[in-house]
Amino acid sequence: MKFASKLCIATALAAAVSLPPAALASDGPNADCHVRENGENKKKKSGPCTVTKTQGNVWILLHNGDSFTLKPRDKKDRYKDQKGRNVKVKVEAGNPVYTWEHRHITVNMRSR
């Protein structure tokens, strides 16, 4: 096999492995997300979303294409996002609320 072909195959495999499960989800949205930034509702970002939890990691994919990859920290309610920002999670009325310094995302999981 030529080097270029091997490189293409290796690149495709690496891209597929590096995608979070939320990006690979084929079932569509499994939750509704309410997004607030700087105290204001963000209607274009709020709505159907896909949330995946795997091995402590959380992936949130909003319907507008914005996505958040949250990796667990030393405490069970603390995460870091893909840009290294601190995120805290708390449960309100049975729904997780992910909180950054400037953003809040409330996740209402849908029953399947």
PDB file of N, CA and C in Angstrom:
ATOM      1  N   MET A   1       0.849  -1.171   0.000  1.00  0.00           N
ATOM      2  CA  MET A   1       0.000   0.000   0.000  1.00  0.00           C
ATOM      3  C   MET A   1       0.896   1.235   0.000  1.00  0.00           C
ATOM      4  N   LYS A   2       0.527   2.229  -0.770  1.00  0.00           N
ATOM      5  CA  LYS A   2       1.316   3.444  -0.852  1.00  0.00           C
ATOM      6  C   LYS A   2       1.230   4.223   0.458  1.00  0.00           C
ATOM      7  N   PHE A   3       2.263   5.022   0.705  1.00  0.00           N
ATOM      8  CA  PHE A   3       2.327   5.816   1.927  1.00  0.00           C
ATOM      9  C   PHE A   3       1.124   6.739   2.054  1.00  0.00           C
ATOM     10  N   ALA A   4       0.710   7.379   0.969  1.00  0.00           N
ATOM     11  CA  ALA A   4      -0.423   8.311   1.003  1.00  0.00           C
ATOM     12  C   ALA A   4      -1.712   7.596   1.415  1.00  0.00           C
ATOM     13  N   SER A   5      -1.911   6.387   0.922  1.00  0.00           N
ATOM     14  CA  SER A   5      -3.104   5.613   1.283  1.00  0.00           C
ATOM     15  C   SER A   5      -3.087   5.256   2.762  1.00  0.00           C
ATOM     16  N   LYS A   6      -1.927   4.824   3.250  1.00  0.00           N
ATOM     17  CA  LYS A   6      -1.803   4.490   4.668  1.00  0.00           C
ATOM     18  C   LYS A   6      -2.054   5.717   5.533  1.00  0.00           C
ATOM     19  N   LEU A   7      -1.539   6.863   5.102  1.00  0.00           N
ATOM     20  CA  LEU A   7      -1.730   8.097   5.856  1.00  0.00           C
ATOM     21  C   LEU A   7      -3.208   8.479   5.902  1.00  0.00           C
ATOM     22  N   CYS A   8      -3.922   8.345   4.798  1.00  0.00           N
ATOM     23  CA  CYS A   8      -5.356   8.660   4.755  1.00  0.00           C
ATOM     24  C   CYS A   8      -6.145   7.756   5.696  1.00  0.00           C
ATOM     25  N   ILE A   9      -5.844   6.480   5.676  1.00  0.00           N
ATOM     26  CA  ILE A   9      -6.541   5.524   6.547  1.00  0.00           C
ATOM     27  C   ILE A   9      -6.251   5.838   8.003  1.00  0.00           C
ATOM     28  N   ALA A  10      -4.996   6.084   8.334  1.00  0.00           N
ATOM     29  CA  ALA A  10      -4.616   6.395   9.719  1.00  0.00           C
ATOM     30  C   ALA A  10      -5.287   7.679  10.193  1.00  0.00           C
ATOM     31  N   THR A  11      -5.367   8.675   9.330  1.00  0.00           N
ATOM     32  CA  THR A  11      -6.009   9.938   9.688  1.00  0.00           C
ATOM     33  C   THR A  11      -7.498   9.747   9.932  1.00  0.00           C
ATOM     34  N   ALA A  12      -8.152   8.983   9.080  1.00  0.00           N
ATOM     35  CA  ALA A  12      -9.586   8.728   9.240  1.00  0.00           C
ATOM     36  C   ALA A  12      -9.868   7.976  10.537  1.00  0.00           C
ATOM     37  N   LEU A  13      -9.062   6.993  10.848  1.00  0.00           N
ATOM     38  CA  LEU A  13      -9.245   6.239  12.089  1.00  0.00           C
ATOM     39  C   LEU A  13      -9.006   7.119  13.304  1.00  0.00           C
ATOM     40  N   ALA A  14      -7.976   7.937  13.269  1.00  0.00           N
ATOM     41  CA  ALA A  14      -7.682   8.828  14.395  1.00  0.00           C
ATOM     42  C   ALA A  14      -8.816   9.828  14.603  1.00  0.00           C
ATOM     43  N   ALA A  15      -9.381  10.356  13.529  1.00  0.00           N
ATOM     44  CA  ALA A  15     -10.481  11.309  13.642  1.00  0.00           C
ATOM     45  C   ALA A  15     -11.704  10.654  14.263  1.00  0.00           C
ATOM     46  N   ALA A  16     -12.015   9.441  13.856  1.00  0.00           N
ATOM     47  CA  ALA A  16     -13.185   8.736  14.400  1.00  0.00           C
ATOM     48  C   ALA A  16     -13.012   8.433  15.877  1.00  0.00           C
ATOM     49  N   VAL A  17     -11.810   8.065  16.291  1.00  0.00           N
ATOM     50  CA  VAL A  17     -11.553   7.733  17.686  1.00  0.00           C
ATOM     51  C   VAL A  17     -11.574   8.982  18.552  1.00  0.00           C
ATOM     52  N   SER A  18     -11.139  10.127  18.012  1.00  0.00           N
ATOM     53  CA  SER A  18     -11.043  11.341  18.813  1.00  0.00           C
ATOM     54  C   SER A  18     -12.382  12.057  18.978  1.00  0.00           C
ATOM     55  N   LEU A  19     -13.388  11.714  18.189  1.00  0.00           N
ATOM     56  CA  LEU A  19     -14.690  12.348  18.327  1.00  0.00           C
ATOM     57  C   LEU A  19     -15.364  11.883  19.605  1.00  0.00           C
ATOM     58  N   PRO A  20     -15.986  12.805  20.357  1.00  0.00           N
ATOM     59  CA  PRO A  20     -16.720  12.388  21.550  1.00  0.00           C
ATOM     60  C   PRO A  20     -17.963  11.608  21.155  1.00  0.00           C
ATOM     61  N   PRO A  21     -18.462  10.741  22.056  1.00  0.00           N
ATOM     62  CA  PRO A  21     -19.661   9.957  21.742  1.00  0.00           C
ATOM     63  C   PRO A  21     -20.844  10.816  21.322  1.00  0.00           C
ATOM     64  N   ALA A  22     -20.970  12.037  21.857  1.00  0.00           N
ATOM     65  CA  ALA A  22     -22.092  12.895  21.475  1.00  0.00           C
ATOM     66  C   ALA A  22     -22.049  13.207  19.991  1.00  0.00           C
ATOM     67  N   ALA A  23     -20.844  13.370  19.436  1.00  0.00           N
ATOM     68  CA  ALA A  23     -20.714  13.676  18.012  1.00  0.00           C
ATOM     69  C   ALA A  23     -21.022  12.457  17.156  1.00  0.00           C
ATOM     70  N   LEU A  24     -20.892  11.274  17.734  1.00  0.00           N
ATOM     71  CA  LEU A  24     -21.137  10.044  17.000  1.00  0.00           C
ATOM     72  C   LEU A  24     -22.565   9.534  17.162  1.00  0.00           C
ATOM     73  N   ALA A  25     -23.342  10.167  18.051  1.00  0.00           N
ATOM     74  CA  ALA A  25     -24.686   9.684  18.352  1.00  0.00           C
ATOM     75  C   ALA A  25     -25.563   9.760  17.109  1.00  0.00           C
ATOM     76  N   SER A  26     -26.204   8.666  16.787  1.00  0.00           N
ATOM     77  CA  SER A  26     -27.062   8.639  15.607  1.00  0.00           C
ATOM     78  C   SER A  26     -28.535   8.678  15.977  1.00  0.00           C
ATOM     79  N   ASP A  27     -28.843   8.534  17.249  1.00  0.00           N
ATOM     80  CA  ASP A  27     -30.233   8.528  17.681  1.00  0.00           C
ATOM     81  C   ASP A  27     -30.821   9.928  17.775  1.00  0.00           C
ATOM     82  N   GLY A  28     -30.004  10.950  17.668  1.00  0.00           N
ATOM     83  CA  GLY A  28     -30.475  12.318  17.780  1.00  0.00           C
ATOM     84  C   GLY A  28     -30.495  12.776  19.221  1.00  0.00           C
ATOM     85  N   PRO A  29     -31.087  13.943  19.445  1.00  0.00           N
ATOM     86  CA  PRO A  29     -31.093  14.528  20.785  1.00  0.00           C
ATOM     87  C   PRO A  29     -31.752  13.620  21.815  1.00  0.00           C
ATOM     88  N   ASN A  30     -31.137  13.562  23.006  1.00  0.00           N
ATOM     89  CA  ASN A  30     -31.695  12.758  24.096  1.00  0.00           C
ATOM     90  C   ASN A  30     -32.045  13.627  25.301  1.00  0.00           C
ATOM     91  N   ALA A  31     -31.963  14.969  25.121  1.00  0.00           N
ATOM     92  CA  ALA A  31     -32.238  15.889  26.221  1.00  0.00           C
ATOM     93  C   ALA A  31     -32.641  17.244  25.657  1.00  0.00           C
ATOM     94  N   ASP A  32     -33.077  18.105  26.556  1.00  0.00           N
ATOM     95  CA  ASP A  32     -33.314  19.501  26.231  1.00  0.00           C
ATOM     96  C   ASP A  32     -32.397  20.321  27.131  1.00  0.00           C
ATOM     97  N   CYS A  33     -31.685  21.272  26.536  1.00  0.00           N
ATOM     98  CA  CYS A  33     -30.728  22.091  27.274  1.00  0.00           C
ATOM     99  C   CYS A  33     -31.195  23.540  27.286  1.00  0.00           C
ATOM    100  N   HIS A  34     -31.144  24.133  28.462  1.00  0.00           N
ATOM    101  CA  HIS A  34     -31.448  25.549  28.626  1.00  0.00           C
ATOM    102  C   HIS A  34     -30.127  26.253  28.909  1.00  0.00           C
ATOM    103  N   VAL A  35     -29.742  27.181  28.028  1.00  0.00           N
ATOM    104  CA  VAL A  35     -28.441  27.847  28.125  1.00  0.00           C
ATOM    105  C   VAL A  35     -28.642  29.301  28.541  1.00  0.00           C
ATOM    106  N   ARG A  36     -27.862  29.708  29.550  1.00  0.00           N
ATOM    107  CA  ARG A  36     -27.812  31.105  29.982  1.00  0.00           C
ATOM    108  C   ARG A  36     -26.353  31.533  29.963  1.00  0.00           C
ATOM    109  N   GLU A  37     -26.086  32.691  29.371  1.00  0.00           N
ATOM    110  CA  GLU A  37     -24.736  33.250  29.366  1.00  0.00           C
ATOM    111  C   GLU A  37     -24.806  34.679  29.876  1.00  0.00           C
ATOM    112  N   ASN A  38     -23.949  34.987  30.827  1.00  0.00           N
ATOM    113  CA  ASN A  38     -23.920  36.317  31.436  1.00  0.00           C
ATOM    114  C   ASN A  38     -25.310  36.750  31.902  1.00  0.00           C
ATOM    115  N   GLY A  39     -26.070  35.798  32.463  1.00  0.00           N
ATOM    116  CA  GLY A  39     -27.381  36.089  33.022  1.00  0.00           C
ATOM    117  C   GLY A  39     -28.521  36.171  32.021  1.00  0.00           C
ATOM    118  N   GLU A  40     -28.248  35.977  30.738  1.00  0.00           N
ATOM    119  CA  GLU A  40     -29.286  36.086  29.720  1.00  0.00           C
ATOM    120  C   GLU A  40     -29.590  34.735  29.089  1.00  0.00           C
ATOM    121  N   ASN A  41     -30.891  34.493  28.827  1.00  0.00           N
ATOM    122  CA  ASN A  41     -31.287  33.279  28.110  1.00  0.00           C
ATOM    123  C   ASN A  41     -30.744  33.343  26.691  1.00  0.00           C
ATOM    124  N   LYS A  42     -30.234  32.221  26.210  1.00  0.00           N
ATOM    125  CA  LYS A  42     -29.724  32.130  24.847  1.00  0.00           C
ATOM    126  C   LYS A  42     -30.638  31.201  24.062  1.00  0.00           C
ATOM    127  N   LYS A  43     -31.670  31.788  23.434  1.00  0.00           N
ATOM    128  CA  LYS A  43     -32.676  30.998  22.728  1.00  0.00           C
ATOM    129  C   LYS A  43     -32.103  30.232  21.549  1.00  0.00           C
ATOM    130  N   LYS A  44     -31.112  30.791  20.855  1.00  0.00           N
ATOM    131  CA  LYS A  44     -30.541  30.105  19.696  1.00  0.00           C
ATOM    132  C   LYS A  44     -29.688  28.912  20.098  1.00  0.00           C
ATOM    133  N   LYS A  45     -29.220  28.896  21.344  1.00  0.00           N
ATOM    134  CA  LYS A  45     -28.424  27.775  21.829  1.00  0.00           C
ATOM    135  C   LYS A  45     -29.275  26.780  22.608  1.00  0.00           C
ATOM    136  N   SER A  46     -30.353  27.250  23.229  1.00  0.00           N
ATOM    137  CA  SER A  46     -31.225  26.390  24.023  1.00  0.00           C
ATOM    138  C   SER A  46     -32.091  25.546  23.101  1.00  0.00           C
ATOM    139  N   GLY A  47     -32.460  24.359  23.583  1.00  0.00           N
ATOM    140  CA  GLY A  47     -33.317  23.474  22.809  1.00  0.00           C
ATOM    141  C   GLY A  47     -32.808  22.051  22.868  1.00  0.00           C
ATOM    142  N   PRO A  48     -33.151  21.249  21.868  1.00  0.00           N
ATOM    143  CA  PRO A  48     -32.722  19.850  21.857  1.00  0.00           C
ATOM    144  C   PRO A  48     -31.201  19.753  21.909  1.00  0.00           C
ATOM    145  N   CYS A  49     -30.709  18.764  22.641  1.00  0.00           N
ATOM    146  CA  CYS A  49     -29.265  18.550  22.739  1.00  0.00           C
ATOM    147  C   CYS A  49     -28.990  17.065  22.955  1.00  0.00           C
ATOM    148  N   THR A  50     -27.754  16.708  22.762  1.00  0.00           N
ATOM    149  CA  THR A  50     -27.320  15.335  23.002  1.00  0.00           C
ATOM    150  C   THR A  50     -26.308  15.359  24.135  1.00  0.00           C
ATOM    151  N   VAL A  51     -26.557  14.556  25.150  1.00  0.00           N
ATOM    152  CA  VAL A  51     -25.669  14.488  26.311  1.00  0.00           C
ATOM    153  C   VAL A  51     -25.225  13.042  26.477  1.00  0.00           C
ATOM    154  N   THR A  52     -23.917  12.858  26.578  1.00  0.00           N
ATOM    155  CA  THR A  52     -23.352  11.520  26.743  1.00  0.00           C
ATOM    156  C   THR A  52     -22.408  11.534  27.936  1.00  0.00           C
ATOM    157  N   LYS A  53     -22.540  10.525  28.782  1.00  0.00           N
ATOM    158  CA  LYS A  53     -21.637  10.371  29.927  1.00  0.00           C
ATOM    159  C   LYS A  53     -20.929   9.034  29.797  1.00  0.00           C
ATOM    160  N   THR A  54     -19.589   9.078  29.832  1.00  0.00           N
ATOM    161  CA  THR A  54     -18.785   7.871  29.715  1.00  0.00           C
ATOM    162  C   THR A  54     -17.564   7.984  30.606  1.00  0.00           C
ATOM    163  N   GLN A  55     -17.375   7.040  31.486  1.00  0.00           N
ATOM    164  CA  GLN A  55     -16.206   6.975  32.364  1.00  0.00           C
ATOM    165  C   GLN A  55     -15.944   8.298  33.057  1.00  0.00           C
ATOM    166  N   GLY A  56     -17.006   8.956  33.533  1.00  0.00           N
ATOM    167  CA  GLY A  56     -16.868  10.214  34.245  1.00  0.00           C
ATOM    168  C   GLY A  56     -16.850  11.442  33.359  1.00  0.00           C
ATOM    169  N   ASN A  57     -16.597  11.265  32.064  1.00  0.00           N
ATOM    170  CA  ASN A  57     -16.587  12.391  31.136  1.00  0.00           C
ATOM    171  C   ASN A  57     -18.010  12.701  30.691  1.00  0.00           C
ATOM    172  N   VAL A  58     -18.268  13.985  30.393  1.00  0.00           N
ATOM    173  CA  VAL A  58     -19.581  14.415  29.926  1.00  0.00           C
ATOM    174  C   VAL A  58     -19.382  15.178  28.626  1.00  0.00           C
ATOM    175  N   TRP A  59     -20.157  14.829  27.601  1.00  0.00           N
ATOM    176  CA  TRP A  59     -20.158  15.547  26.337  1.00  0.00           C
ATOM    177  C   TRP A  59     -21.541  16.127  26.130  1.00  0.00           C
ATOM    178  N   ILE A  60     -21.591  17.430  25.827  1.00  0.00           N
ATOM    179  CA  ILE A  60     -22.859  18.105  25.551  1.00  0.00           C
ATOM    180  C   ILE A  60     -22.771  18.682  24.143  1.00  0.00           C
ATOM    181  N   LEU A  61     -23.702  18.299  23.291  1.00  0.00           N
ATOM    182  CA  LEU A  61     -23.768  18.811  21.923  1.00  0.00           C
ATOM    183  C   LEU A  61     -25.089  19.549  21.774  1.00  0.00           C
ATOM    184  N   LEU A  62     -25.011  20.881  21.606  1.00  0.00           N
ATOM    185  CA  LEU A  62     -26.208  21.694  21.447  1.00  0.00           C
ATOM    186  C   LEU A  62     -26.695  21.636  20.003  1.00  0.00           C
ATOM    187  N   HIS A  63     -27.971  21.937  19.790  1.00  0.00           N
ATOM    188  CA  HIS A  63     -28.546  21.835  18.442  1.00  0.00           C
ATOM    189  C   HIS A  63     -27.928  22.834  17.473  1.00  0.00           C
ATOM    190  N   ASN A  64     -27.288  23.898  17.964  1.00  0.00           N
ATOM    191  CA  ASN A  64     -26.654  24.873  17.068  1.00  0.00           C
ATOM    192  C   ASN A  64     -25.234  24.459  16.683  1.00  0.00           C
ATOM    193  N   GLY A  65     -24.774  23.307  17.197  1.00  0.00           N
ATOM    194  CA  GLY A  65     -23.449  22.802  16.852  1.00  0.00           C
ATOM    195  C   GLY A  65     -22.385  23.053  17.912  1.00  0.00           C
ATOM    196  N   ASP A  66     -22.652  23.921  18.889  1.00  0.00           N
ATOM    197  CA  ASP A  66     -21.695  24.130  19.976  1.00  0.00           C
ATOM    198  C   ASP A  66     -21.578  22.840  20.777  1.00  0.00           C
ATOM    199  N   SER A  67     -20.367  22.511  21.197  1.00  0.00           N
ATOM    200  CA  SER A  67     -20.193  21.302  22.000  1.00  0.00           C
ATOM    201  C   SER A  67     -19.245  21.577  23.153  1.00  0.00           C
ATOM    202  N   PHE A  68     -19.410  20.816  24.209  1.00  0.00           N
ATOM    203  CA  PHE A  68     -18.608  20.953  25.418  1.00  0.00           C
ATOM    204  C   PHE A  68     -18.145  19.570  25.848  1.00  0.00           C
ATOM    205  N   THR A  69     -16.860  19.446  26.090  1.00  0.00           N
ATOM    206  CA  THR A  69     -16.269  18.208  26.583  1.00  0.00           C
ATOM    207  C   THR A  69     -15.824  18.472  28.002  1.00  0.00           C
ATOM    208  N   LEU A  70     -16.423  17.771  28.965  1.00  0.00           N
ATOM    209  CA  LEU A  70     -16.131  17.989  30.373  1.00  0.00           C
ATOM    210  C   LEU A  70     -15.415  16.779  30.948  1.00  0.00           C
ATOM    211  N   LYS A  71     -14.247  17.024  31.525  1.00  0.00           N
ATOM    212  CA  LYS A  71     -13.461  15.950  32.128  1.00  0.00           C
ATOM    213  C   LYS A  71     -13.486  16.117  33.637  1.00  0.00           C
ATOM    214  N   PRO A  72     -13.653  15.014  34.378  1.00  0.00           N
ATOM    215  CA  PRO A  72     -13.764  15.115  35.831  1.00  0.00           C
ATOM    216  C   PRO A  72     -12.478  15.605  36.486  1.00  0.00           C
ATOM    217  N   ARG A  73     -12.655  16.282  37.609  1.00  0.00           N
ATOM    218  CA  ARG A  73     -11.540  16.767  38.417  1.00  0.00           C
ATOM    219  C   ARG A  73     -11.463  15.940  39.689  1.00  0.00           C
ATOM    220  N   ASP A  74     -10.828  16.480  40.709  1.00  0.00           N
ATOM    221  CA  ASP A  74     -10.612  15.761  41.956  1.00  0.00           C
ATOM    222  C   ASP A  74     -11.876  15.583  42.792  1.00  0.00           C
ATOM    223  N   LYS A  75     -12.847  16.471  42.682  1.00  0.00           N
ATOM    224  CA  LYS A  75     -14.115  16.337  43.401  1.00  0.00           C
ATOM    225  C   LYS A  75     -15.192  15.896  42.423  1.00  0.00           C
ATOM    226  N   LYS A  76     -16.196  15.166  42.925  1.00  0.00           N
ATOM    227  CA  LYS A  76     -17.187  14.588  42.012  1.00  0.00           C
ATOM    228  C   LYS A  76     -18.061  15.619  41.307  1.00  0.00           C
ATOM    229  N   ASP A  77     -18.146  16.838  41.831  1.00  0.00           N
ATOM    230  CA  ASP A  77     -18.980  17.859  41.198  1.00  0.00           C
ATOM    231  C   ASP A  77     -18.169  18.887  40.414  1.00  0.00           C
ATOM    232  N   ARG A  78     -16.903  18.581  40.122  1.00  0.00           N
ATOM    233  CA  ARG A  78     -16.015  19.526  39.420  1.00  0.00           C
ATOM    234  C   ARG A  78     -15.502  18.929  38.112  1.00  0.00           C
ATOM    235  N   TYR A  79     -15.478  19.774  37.080  1.00  0.00           N
ATOM    236  CA  TYR A  79     -15.003  19.379  35.758  1.00  0.00           C
ATOM    237  C   TYR A  79     -14.117  20.479  35.186  1.00  0.00           C
ATOM    238  N   LYS A  80     -13.404  20.138  34.119  1.00  0.00           N
ATOM    239  CA  LYS A  80     -12.696  21.099  33.268  1.00  0.00           C
ATOM    240  C   LYS A  80     -13.253  20.908  31.865  1.00  0.00           C
ATOM    241  N   ASP A  81     -13.507  22.020  31.158  1.00  0.00           N
ATOM    242  CA  ASP A  81     -13.976  21.878  29.786  1.00  0.00           C
ATOM    243  C   ASP A  81     -12.794  21.800  28.827  1.00  0.00           C
ATOM    244  N   GLN A  82     -13.081  21.710  27.534  1.00  0.00           N
ATOM    245  CA  GLN A  82     -12.040  21.515  26.531  1.00  0.00           C
ATOM    246  C   GLN A  82     -11.090  22.707  26.436  1.00  0.00           C
ATOM    247  N   LYS A  83     -11.464  23.844  26.999  1.00  0.00           N
ATOM    248  CA  LYS A  83     -10.590  25.022  26.985  1.00  0.00           C
ATOM    249  C   LYS A  83      -9.908  25.246  28.328  1.00  0.00           C
ATOM    250  N   GLY A  84     -10.062  24.268  29.247  1.00  0.00           N
ATOM    251  CA  GLY A  84      -9.404  24.352  30.544  1.00  0.00           C
ATOM    252  C   GLY A  84     -10.156  25.170  31.582  1.00  0.00           C
ATOM    253  N   ARG A  85     -11.393  25.573  31.273  1.00  0.00           N
ATOM    254  CA  ARG A  85     -12.180  26.362  32.220  1.00  0.00           C
ATOM    255  C   ARG A  85     -12.855  25.452  33.239  1.00  0.00           C
ATOM    256  N   ASN A  86     -12.968  25.953  34.469  1.00  0.00           N
ATOM    257  CA  ASN A  86     -13.606  25.204  35.547  1.00  0.00           C
ATOM    258  C   ASN A  86     -15.115  25.165  35.351  1.00  0.00           C
ATOM    259  N   VAL A  87     -15.693  23.994  35.633  1.00  0.00           N
ATOM    260  CA  VAL A  87     -17.139  23.794  35.532  1.00  0.00           C
ATOM    261  C   VAL A  87     -17.581  23.048  36.784  1.00  0.00           C
ATOM    262  N   LYS A  88     -18.652  23.517  37.384  1.00  0.00           N
ATOM    263  CA  LYS A  88     -19.217  22.862  38.557  1.00  0.00           C
ATOM    264  C   LYS A  88     -20.594  22.346  38.177  1.00  0.00           C
ATOM    265  N   VAL A  89     -20.952  21.177  38.689  1.00  0.00           N
ATOM    266  CA  VAL A  89     -22.286  20.638  38.421  1.00  0.00           C
ATOM    267  C   VAL A  89     -23.025  20.471  39.737  1.00  0.00           C
ATOM    268  N   LYS A  90     -24.312  20.822  39.706  1.00  0.00           N
ATOM    269  CA  LYS A  90     -25.191  20.560  40.839  1.00  0.00           C
ATOM    270  C   LYS A  90     -26.512  20.084  40.270  1.00  0.00           C
ATOM    271  N   VAL A  91     -27.288  19.424  41.093  1.00  0.00           N
ATOM    272  CA  VAL A  91     -28.576  18.890  40.651  1.00  0.00           C
ATOM    273  C   VAL A  91     -29.683  19.744  41.250  1.00  0.00           C
ATOM    274  N   GLU A  92     -30.534  20.255  40.372  1.00  0.00           N
ATOM    275  CA  GLU A  92     -31.693  21.044  40.791  1.00  0.00           C
ATOM    276  C   GLU A  92     -32.943  20.394  40.230  1.00  0.00           C
ATOM    277  N   ALA A  93     -33.863  20.028  41.093  1.00  0.00           N
ATOM    278  CA  ALA A  93     -35.121  19.380  40.690  1.00  0.00           C
ATOM    279  C   ALA A  93     -34.853  18.148  39.832  1.00  0.00           C
ATOM    280  N   GLY A  94     -33.790  17.415  40.147  1.00  0.00           N
ATOM    281  CA  GLY A  94     -33.461  16.185  39.440  1.00  0.00           C
ATOM    282  C   GLY A  94     -32.705  16.377  38.136  1.00  0.00           C
ATOM    283  N   ASN A  95     -32.376  17.618  37.792  1.00  0.00           N
ATOM    284  CA  ASN A  95     -31.682  17.912  36.540  1.00  0.00           C
ATOM    285  C   ASN A  95     -30.293  18.480  36.803  1.00  0.00           C
ATOM    286  N   PRO A  96     -29.277  17.977  36.093  1.00  0.00           N
ATOM    287  CA  PRO A  96     -27.942  18.538  36.281  1.00  0.00           C
ATOM    288  C   PRO A  96     -27.839  19.949  35.694  1.00  0.00           C
ATOM    289  N   VAL A  97     -27.165  20.824  36.429  1.00  0.00           N
ATOM    290  CA  VAL A  97     -26.892  22.186  35.963  1.00  0.00           C
ATOM    291  C   VAL A  97     -25.379  22.343  35.939  1.00  0.00           C
ATOM    292  N   TYR A  98     -24.813  22.533  34.752  1.00  0.00           N
ATOM    293  CA  TYR A  98     -23.377  22.712  34.580  1.00  0.00           C
ATOM    294  C   TYR A  98     -23.103  24.211  34.576  1.00  0.00           C
ATOM    295  N   THR A  99     -22.220  24.667  35.465  1.00  0.00           N
ATOM    296  CA  THR A  99     -21.994  26.087  35.663  1.00  0.00           C
ATOM    297  C   THR A  99     -20.539  26.469  35.433  1.00  0.00           C
ATOM    298  N   TRP A 100     -20.328  27.397  34.504  1.00  0.00           N
ATOM    299  CA  TRP A 100     -19.048  28.048  34.276  1.00  0.00           C
ATOM    300  C   TRP A 100     -19.134  29.416  34.954  1.00  0.00           C
ATOM    301  N   GLU A 101     -18.079  30.179  34.884  1.00  0.00           N
ATOM    302  CA  GLU A 101     -18.098  31.531  35.431  1.00  0.00           C
ATOM    303  C   GLU A 101     -19.129  32.400  34.705  1.00  0.00           C
ATOM    304  N   HIS A 102     -19.338  32.184  33.411  1.00  0.00           N
ATOM    305  CA  HIS A 102     -20.210  33.032  32.605  1.00  0.00           C
ATOM    306  C   HIS A 102     -21.389  32.293  31.961  1.00  0.00           C
ATOM    307  N   ARG A 103     -21.497  30.985  32.190  1.00  0.00           N
ATOM    308  CA  ARG A 103     -22.500  30.187  31.475  1.00  0.00           C
ATOM    309  C   ARG A 103     -23.113  29.158  32.420  1.00  0.00           C
ATOM    310  N   HIS A 104     -24.404  28.875  32.196  1.00  0.00           N
ATOM    311  CA  HIS A 104     -25.116  27.805  32.897  1.00  0.00           C
ATOM    312  C   HIS A 104     -25.848  26.985  31.840  1.00  0.00           C
ATOM    313  N   ILE A 105     -25.728  25.685  31.918  1.00  0.00           N
ATOM    314  CA  ILE A 105     -26.498  24.793  31.049  1.00  0.00           C
ATOM    315  C   ILE A 105     -27.281  23.829  31.932  1.00  0.00           C
ATOM    316  N   THR A 106     -28.604  23.914  31.855  1.00  0.00           N
ATOM    317  CA  THR A 106     -29.482  22.994  32.589  1.00  0.00           C
ATOM    318  C   THR A 106     -29.905  21.909  31.615  1.00  0.00           C
ATOM    319  N   VAL A 107     -29.714  20.645  32.008  1.00  0.00           N
ATOM    320  CA  VAL A 107     -30.012  19.507  31.144  1.00  0.00           C
ATOM    321  C   VAL A 107     -31.246  18.781  31.671  1.00  0.00           C
ATOM    322  N   ASN A 108     -32.268  18.693  30.830  1.00  0.00           N
ATOM    323  CA  ASN A 108     -33.461  17.898  31.133  1.00  0.00           C
ATOM    324  C   ASN A 108     -33.430  16.670  30.239  1.00  0.00           C
ATOM    325  N   MET A 109     -33.071  15.528  30.807  1.00  0.00           N
ATOM    326  CA  MET A 109     -32.986  14.291  30.028  1.00  0.00           C
ATOM    327  C   MET A 109     -34.383  13.855  29.597  1.00  0.00           C
ATOM    328  N   ARG A 110     -34.479  13.372  28.372  1.00  0.00           N
ATOM    329  CA  ARG A 110     -35.743  12.845  27.854  1.00  0.00           C
ATOM    330  C   ARG A 110     -35.828  11.361  28.205  1.00  0.00           C
ATOM    331  N   SER A 111     -37.043  10.894  28.421  1.00  0.00           N
ATOM    332  CA  SER A 111     -37.209   9.457  28.632  1.00  0.00           C
ATOM    333  C   SER A 111     -37.331   8.795  27.274  1.00  0.00           C
ATOM    334  N   ARG A 112     -36.709   7.647  27.122  1.00  0.00           N
ATOM    335  CA  ARG A 112     -36.720   6.951  25.830  1.00  0.00           C
ATOM    336  C   ARG A 112     -37.636   5.772  25.884  1.00  0.00           C
TER     337      ARG A 112
END
